[in-house]
C-alpha atoms as a PDB file:
ATOM      1  CA  MET A   1       0.000   0.000   0.000  1.00  0.00           C
ATOM      2  CA  ALA A   2       1.085   3.548  -0.600  1.00  0.00           C
ATOM      3  CA  ILE A   3       0.078   7.121   0.038  1.00  0.00           C
ATOM      4  CA  ARG A   4      -0.860   8.675  -3.298  1.00  0.00           C
ATOM      5  CA  THR A   5      -0.546  12.319  -4.282  1.00  0.00           C
ATOM      6  CA  ILE A   6      -3.873  14.138  -4.030  1.00  0.00           C
ATOM      7  CA  ARG A   7      -4.576  16.231  -7.103  1.00  0.00           C
ATOM      8  CA  GLU A   8      -5.659  19.782  -6.367  1.00  0.00           C
ATOM      9  CA  MET A   9      -8.247  22.050  -7.939  1.00  0.00           C
ATOM     10  CA  GLY A  10      -7.018  23.242 -11.323  1.00  0.00           C
ATOM     11  CA  ASP A  11      -5.741  19.784 -12.296  1.00  0.00           C
ATOM     12  CA  PRO A  12      -7.665  18.806 -15.459  1.00  0.00           C
ATOM     13  CA  VAL A  13      -8.190  15.227 -14.209  1.00  0.00           C
ATOM     14  CA  LEU A  14     -10.682  16.606 -11.656  1.00  0.00           C
ATOM     15  CA  THR A  15     -12.987  17.837 -14.440  1.00  0.00           C
ATOM     16  CA  LYS A  16     -13.243  14.554 -16.345  1.00  0.00           C
ATOM     17  CA  VAL A  17     -15.992  11.921 -16.184  1.00  0.00           C
ATOM     18  CA  CYS A  18     -14.648   8.603 -14.893  1.00  0.00           C
ATOM     19  CA  LYS A  19     -14.987   5.243 -16.610  1.00  0.00           C
ATOM     20  CA  GLU A  20     -16.900   2.321 -15.126  1.00  0.00           C
ATOM     21  CA  VAL A  21     -14.961  -0.502 -13.540  1.00  0.00           C
ATOM     22  CA  LYS A  22     -15.692  -3.742 -15.431  1.00  0.00           C
ATOM     23  CA  GLU A  23     -13.800  -6.197 -13.212  1.00  0.00           C
ATOM     24  CA  MET A  24     -11.706  -6.305 -10.075  1.00  0.00           C
ATOM     25  CA  THR A  25      -8.035  -6.641 -10.932  1.00  0.00           C
ATOM     26  CA  PRO A  26      -5.031  -6.707  -8.597  1.00  0.00           C
ATOM     27  CA  ARG A  27      -4.201  -3.124  -9.674  1.00  0.00           C
ATOM     28  CA  THR A  28      -7.737  -1.937  -8.887  1.00  0.00           C
ATOM     29  CA  ALA A  29      -7.666  -3.685  -5.504  1.00  0.00           C
ATOM     30  CA  GLU A  30      -4.329  -1.991  -4.764  1.00  0.00           C
ATOM     31  CA  LEU A  31      -5.781   1.375  -5.837  1.00  0.00           C
ATOM     32  CA  ILE A  32      -8.661   0.972  -3.355  1.00  0.00           C
ATOM     33  CA  GLN A  33      -6.273   0.177  -0.489  1.00  0.00           C
ATOM     34  CA  ASP A  34      -4.046   3.123  -1.465  1.00  0.00           C
ATOM     35  CA  MET A  35      -7.089   5.410  -1.581  1.00  0.00           C
ATOM     36  CA  LEU A  36      -8.143   4.390   1.931  1.00  0.00           C
ATOM     37  CA  GLU A  37      -4.621   4.884   3.264  1.00  0.00           C
ATOM     38  CA  THR A  38      -4.343   8.260   1.488  1.00  0.00           C
ATOM     39  CA  MET A  39      -7.743   9.425   2.803  1.00  0.00           C
ATOM     40  CA  TYR A  40      -6.865   8.515   6.402  1.00  0.00           C
ATOM     41  CA  GLU A  41      -3.394  10.072   6.155  1.00  0.00           C
ATOM     42  CA  ALA A  42      -4.993  13.333   4.935  1.00  0.00           C
ATOM     43  CA  ASN A  43      -7.669  13.286   7.686  1.00  0.00           C
ATOM     44  CA  GLY A  44     -10.444  13.120   5.098  1.00  0.00           C
ATOM     45  CA  VAL A  45     -13.860  11.479   5.206  1.00  0.00           C
ATOM     46  CA  GLY A  46     -13.910  10.616   1.507  1.00  0.00           C
ATOM     47  CA  LEU A  47     -11.719  10.297  -1.558  1.00  0.00           C
ATOM     48  CA  ALA A  48     -12.541   9.619  -5.206  1.00  0.00           C
ATOM     49  CA  ALA A  49     -10.193   7.985  -7.716  1.00  0.00           C
ATOM     50  CA  PRO A  50      -9.776  11.120  -9.869  1.00  0.00           C
ATOM     51  CA  GLN A  51      -8.389  12.881  -6.796  1.00  0.00           C
ATOM     52  CA  VAL A  52      -5.402  10.554  -7.060  1.00  0.00           C
ATOM     53  CA  GLY A  53      -5.254  10.880 -10.848  1.00  0.00           C
ATOM     54  CA  ILE A  54      -7.187   7.719 -11.804  1.00  0.00           C
ATOM     55  CA  LEU A  55     -10.263   8.069 -14.011  1.00  0.00           C
ATOM     56  CA  LYS A  56     -12.209   5.113 -12.601  1.00  0.00           C
ATOM     57  CA  ARG A  57     -15.632   5.199 -10.916  1.00  0.00           C
ATOM     58  CA  ILE A  58     -14.282   4.355  -7.450  1.00  0.00           C
ATOM     59  CA  ALA A  59     -14.702   6.283  -4.209  1.00  0.00           C
ATOM     60  CA  VAL A  60     -14.093   5.559  -0.553  1.00  0.00           C
ATOM     61  CA  VAL A  61     -15.928   7.142   2.368  1.00  0.00           C
ATOM     62  CA  ASP A  62     -15.550   6.848   6.127  1.00  0.00           C
ATOM     63  CA  VAL A  63     -17.372   9.386   8.276  1.00  0.00           C
ATOM     64  CA  THR A  64     -16.689   7.541  11.561  1.00  0.00           C
ATOM     65  CA  GLY A  65     -12.999   6.721  11.158  1.00  0.00           C
ATOM     66  CA  GLU A  66     -13.840   3.049  11.779  1.00  0.00           C
ATOM     67  CA  ASP A  67     -16.123   1.900   8.965  1.00  0.00           C
ATOM     68  CA  PRO A  68     -14.701   2.385   5.457  1.00  0.00           C
ATOM     69  CA  ILE A  69     -17.167   2.201   2.579  1.00  0.00           C
ATOM     70  CA  VAL A  70     -15.925   1.249  -0.889  1.00  0.00           C
ATOM     71  CA  LEU A  71     -18.080   2.472  -3.763  1.00  0.00           C
ATOM     72  CA  ILE A  72     -17.442   1.083  -7.244  1.00  0.00           C
ATOM     73  CA  ASN A  73     -19.664   2.387 -10.066  1.00  0.00           C
ATOM     74  CA  PRO A  74     -22.030   4.105  -7.591  1.00  0.00           C
ATOM     75  CA  LYS A  75     -25.433   5.314  -8.766  1.00  0.00           C
ATOM     76  CA  VAL A  76     -27.713   7.615  -6.788  1.00  0.00           C
ATOM     77  CA  MET A  77     -31.104   5.874  -6.600  1.00  0.00           C
ATOM     78  CA  GLU A  78     -33.026   8.272  -4.379  1.00  0.00           C
ATOM     79  CA  THR A  79     -32.620  11.520  -2.466  1.00  0.00           C
ATOM     80  CA  SER A  80     -34.880  13.536  -0.187  1.00  0.00           C
ATOM     81  CA  GLY A  81     -34.853  16.416   2.231  1.00  0.00           C
ATOM     82  CA  GLU A  82     -32.322  19.199   2.384  1.00  0.00           C
ATOM     83  CA  GLN A  83     -29.352  20.182   4.516  1.00  0.00           C
ATOM     84  CA  THR A  84     -26.956  23.082   4.311  1.00  0.00           C
ATOM     85  CA  GLY A  85     -23.565  22.777   5.909  1.00  0.00           C
ATOM     86  CA  SER A  86     -19.877  23.484   5.652  1.00  0.00           C
ATOM     87  CA  GLU A  87     -18.037  21.319   3.162  1.00  0.00           C
ATOM     88  CA  GLY A  88     -14.367  20.959   2.346  1.00  0.00           C
ATOM     89  CA  CYS A  89     -12.309  18.825  -0.002  1.00  0.00           C
ATOM     90  CA  LEU A  90      -8.876  17.215   0.043  1.00  0.00           C
ATOM     91  CA  SER A  91      -8.385  18.653  -3.470  1.00  0.00           C
ATOM     92  CA  LEU A  92      -8.834  22.189  -2.136  1.00  0.00           C
ATOM     93  CA  PRO A  93      -6.917  22.213   1.154  1.00  0.00           C
ATOM     94  CA  GLY A  94      -7.505  24.983   3.645  1.00  0.00           C
ATOM     95  CA  LYS A  95     -10.872  26.023   2.203  1.00  0.00           C
ATOM     96  CA  CYS A  96     -14.515  25.287   2.952  1.00  0.00           C
ATOM     97  CA  GLY A  97     -17.898  26.645   1.999  1.00  0.00           C
ATOM     98  CA  ASP A  98     -21.610  26.205   2.646  1.00  0.00           C
ATOM     99  CA  VAL A  99     -23.301  23.713   0.330  1.00  0.00           C
ATOM    100  CA  THR A 100     -26.929  22.594   0.227  1.00  0.00           C
ATOM    101  CA  ARG A 101     -27.412  18.896  -0.527  1.00  0.00           C
ATOM    102  CA  PRO A 102     -30.127  16.312   0.094  1.00  0.00           C
ATOM    103  CA  ASN A 103     -30.327  15.145   3.716  1.00  0.00           C
ATOM    104  CA  TYR A 104     -30.996  11.537   2.652  1.00  0.00           C
ATOM    105  CA  VAL A 105     -29.509   9.458  -0.147  1.00  0.00           C
ATOM    106  CA  LYS A 106     -29.794   5.859  -1.312  1.00  0.00           C
ATOM    107  CA  VAL A 107     -26.898   4.644  -3.482  1.00  0.00           C
ATOM    108  CA  TYR A 108     -26.381   1.398  -5.360  1.00  0.00           C
ATOM    109  CA  ALA A 109     -22.734   0.419  -5.774  1.00  0.00           C
ATOM    110  CA  TYR A 110     -20.363  -2.523  -5.898  1.00  0.00           C
ATOM    111  CA  ASP A 111     -17.916  -3.409  -3.144  1.00  0.00           C
ATOM    112  CA  GLU A 112     -14.291  -4.484  -3.534  1.00  0.00           C
ATOM    113  CA  ASN A 113     -15.523  -8.020  -4.374  1.00  0.00           C
ATOM    114  CA  MET A 114     -17.753  -6.624  -7.148  1.00  0.00           C
ATOM    115  CA  GLN A 115     -20.844  -7.574  -5.145  1.00  0.00           C
ATOM    116  CA  GLY A 116     -23.720  -5.132  -5.587  1.00  0.00           C
ATOM    117  CA  TYR A 117     -25.233  -3.490  -2.524  1.00  0.00           C
ATOM    118  CA  GLU A 118     -27.370  -0.531  -1.469  1.00  0.00           C
ATOM    119  CA  ILE A 119     -26.332   1.996   1.122  1.00  0.00           C
ATOM    120  CA  GLU A 120     -28.523   4.653   2.683  1.00  0.00           C
ATOM    121  CA  GLY A 121     -27.198   7.700   4.470  1.00  0.00           C
ATOM    122  CA  THR A 122     -28.375  10.854   6.155  1.00  0.00           C
ATOM    123  CA  GLU A 123     -26.658  14.062   7.208  1.00  0.00           C
ATOM    124  CA  LEU A 124     -22.826  13.772   7.027  1.00  0.00           C
ATOM    125  CA  LEU A 125     -22.871  10.340   5.353  1.00  0.00           C
ATOM    126  CA  ALA A 126     -25.317  11.584   2.689  1.00  0.00           C
ATOM    127  CA  ARG A 127     -23.160  14.680   2.136  1.00  0.00           C
ATOM    128  CA  ALA A 128     -19.963  12.608   1.823  1.00  0.00           C
ATOM    129  CA  LEU A 129     -21.494  10.062  -0.558  1.00  0.00           C
ATOM    130  CA  LEU A 130     -22.875  12.761  -2.855  1.00  0.00           C
ATOM    131  CA  HIS A 131     -19.640  14.801  -2.699  1.00  0.00           C
ATOM    132  CA  GLU A 132     -17.533  11.810  -3.803  1.00  0.00           C
ATOM    133  CA  ILE A 133     -19.988  10.735  -6.520  1.00  0.00           C
ATOM    134  CA  ASP A 134     -19.836  14.305  -7.881  1.00  0.00           C
ATOM    135  CA  HIS A 135     -16.053  13.854  -8.270  1.00  0.00           C
ATOM    136  CA  LEU A 136     -16.665  10.806 -10.476  1.00  0.00           C
ATOM    137  CA  ASP A 137     -18.640  13.035 -12.848  1.00  0.00           C
ATOM    138  CA  GLY A 138     -15.956  15.743 -12.934  1.00  0.00           C
ATOM    139  CA  HIS A 139     -17.596  18.121 -10.456  1.00  0.00           C
ATOM    140  CA  MET A 140     -16.259  19.759  -7.295  1.00  0.00           C
ATOM    141  CA  TYR A 141     -18.204  21.170  -4.389  1.00  0.00           C
ATOM    142  CA  VAL A 142     -17.074  24.719  -5.205  1.00  0.00           C
ATOM    143  CA  GLU A 143     -19.633  24.679  -8.048  1.00  0.00           C
ATOM    144  CA  LYS A 144     -22.366  24.485  -5.376  1.00  0.00           C
ATOM    145  CA  VAL A 145     -20.934  26.806  -2.708  1.00  0.00           C
ATOM    146  CA  GLU A 146     -23.324  29.462  -1.478  1.00  0.00           C
ATOM    147  CA  GLY A 147     -21.437  32.663  -0.763  1.00  0.00           C
ATOM    148  CA  GLU A 148     -17.676  32.841  -0.422  1.00  0.00           C
ATOM    149  CA  LEU A 149     -15.163  30.116   0.308  1.00  0.00           C
ATOM    150  CA  GLN A 150     -13.737  30.369   3.823  1.00  0.00           C
ATOM    151  CA  THR A 151     -10.139  29.749   4.850  1.00  0.00           C
ATOM    152  CA  VAL A 152      -9.793  27.106   7.559  1.00  0.00           C
ATOM    153  CA  THR A 153      -6.890  26.253   9.821  1.00  0.00           C
ATOM    154  CA  PRO A 154      -6.434  22.590  10.732  1.00  0.00           C
ATOM    155  CA  ASP A 155      -6.952  21.860  14.443  1.00  0.00           C
ATOM    156  CA  TRP A 156      -3.373  20.682  14.902  1.00  0.00           C
ATOM    157  CA  GLU A 157      -1.999  24.047  13.712  1.00  0.00           C
ATOM    158  CA  GLU A 158      -4.086  25.965  16.258  1.00  0.00           C
ATOM    159  CA  GLU A 159      -2.542  23.988  19.146  1.00  0.00           C
ATOM    160  CA  GLU A 160       1.024  25.101  18.437  1.00  0.00           C
END
């Protein structure tokens, strides 16, 4: 496993639509493990393959720090409600902004064994799932920000 370089806003790979994954290969399995390791190392709650320069429909999400979710070829099946909250992105470090998204989402995806499953989420999980799926279609949260982007300081820098 390896920490991969996270591509930042302005990199053309972040604006491209990703290709579906047809089968699980050793390279794809390694990519998923690298993505999880990279996401945790960067203190993120989600990471999509284009953020590490790979145009495949793969994303990982973990809003608890203990329960990683692997999404291969995810499709949004249903959404409802509305929530507005602060959102950031590993591809735009040090910035956040208010984004309105559905408060509930149901997604169909495949896991790392290419077994199909449904996942439902509300609040932060719904926000994270939709944020990462947007990346797979070449979109970043800044397209949805209401008002100005804010500059944020990581918690560990404030303690020094």
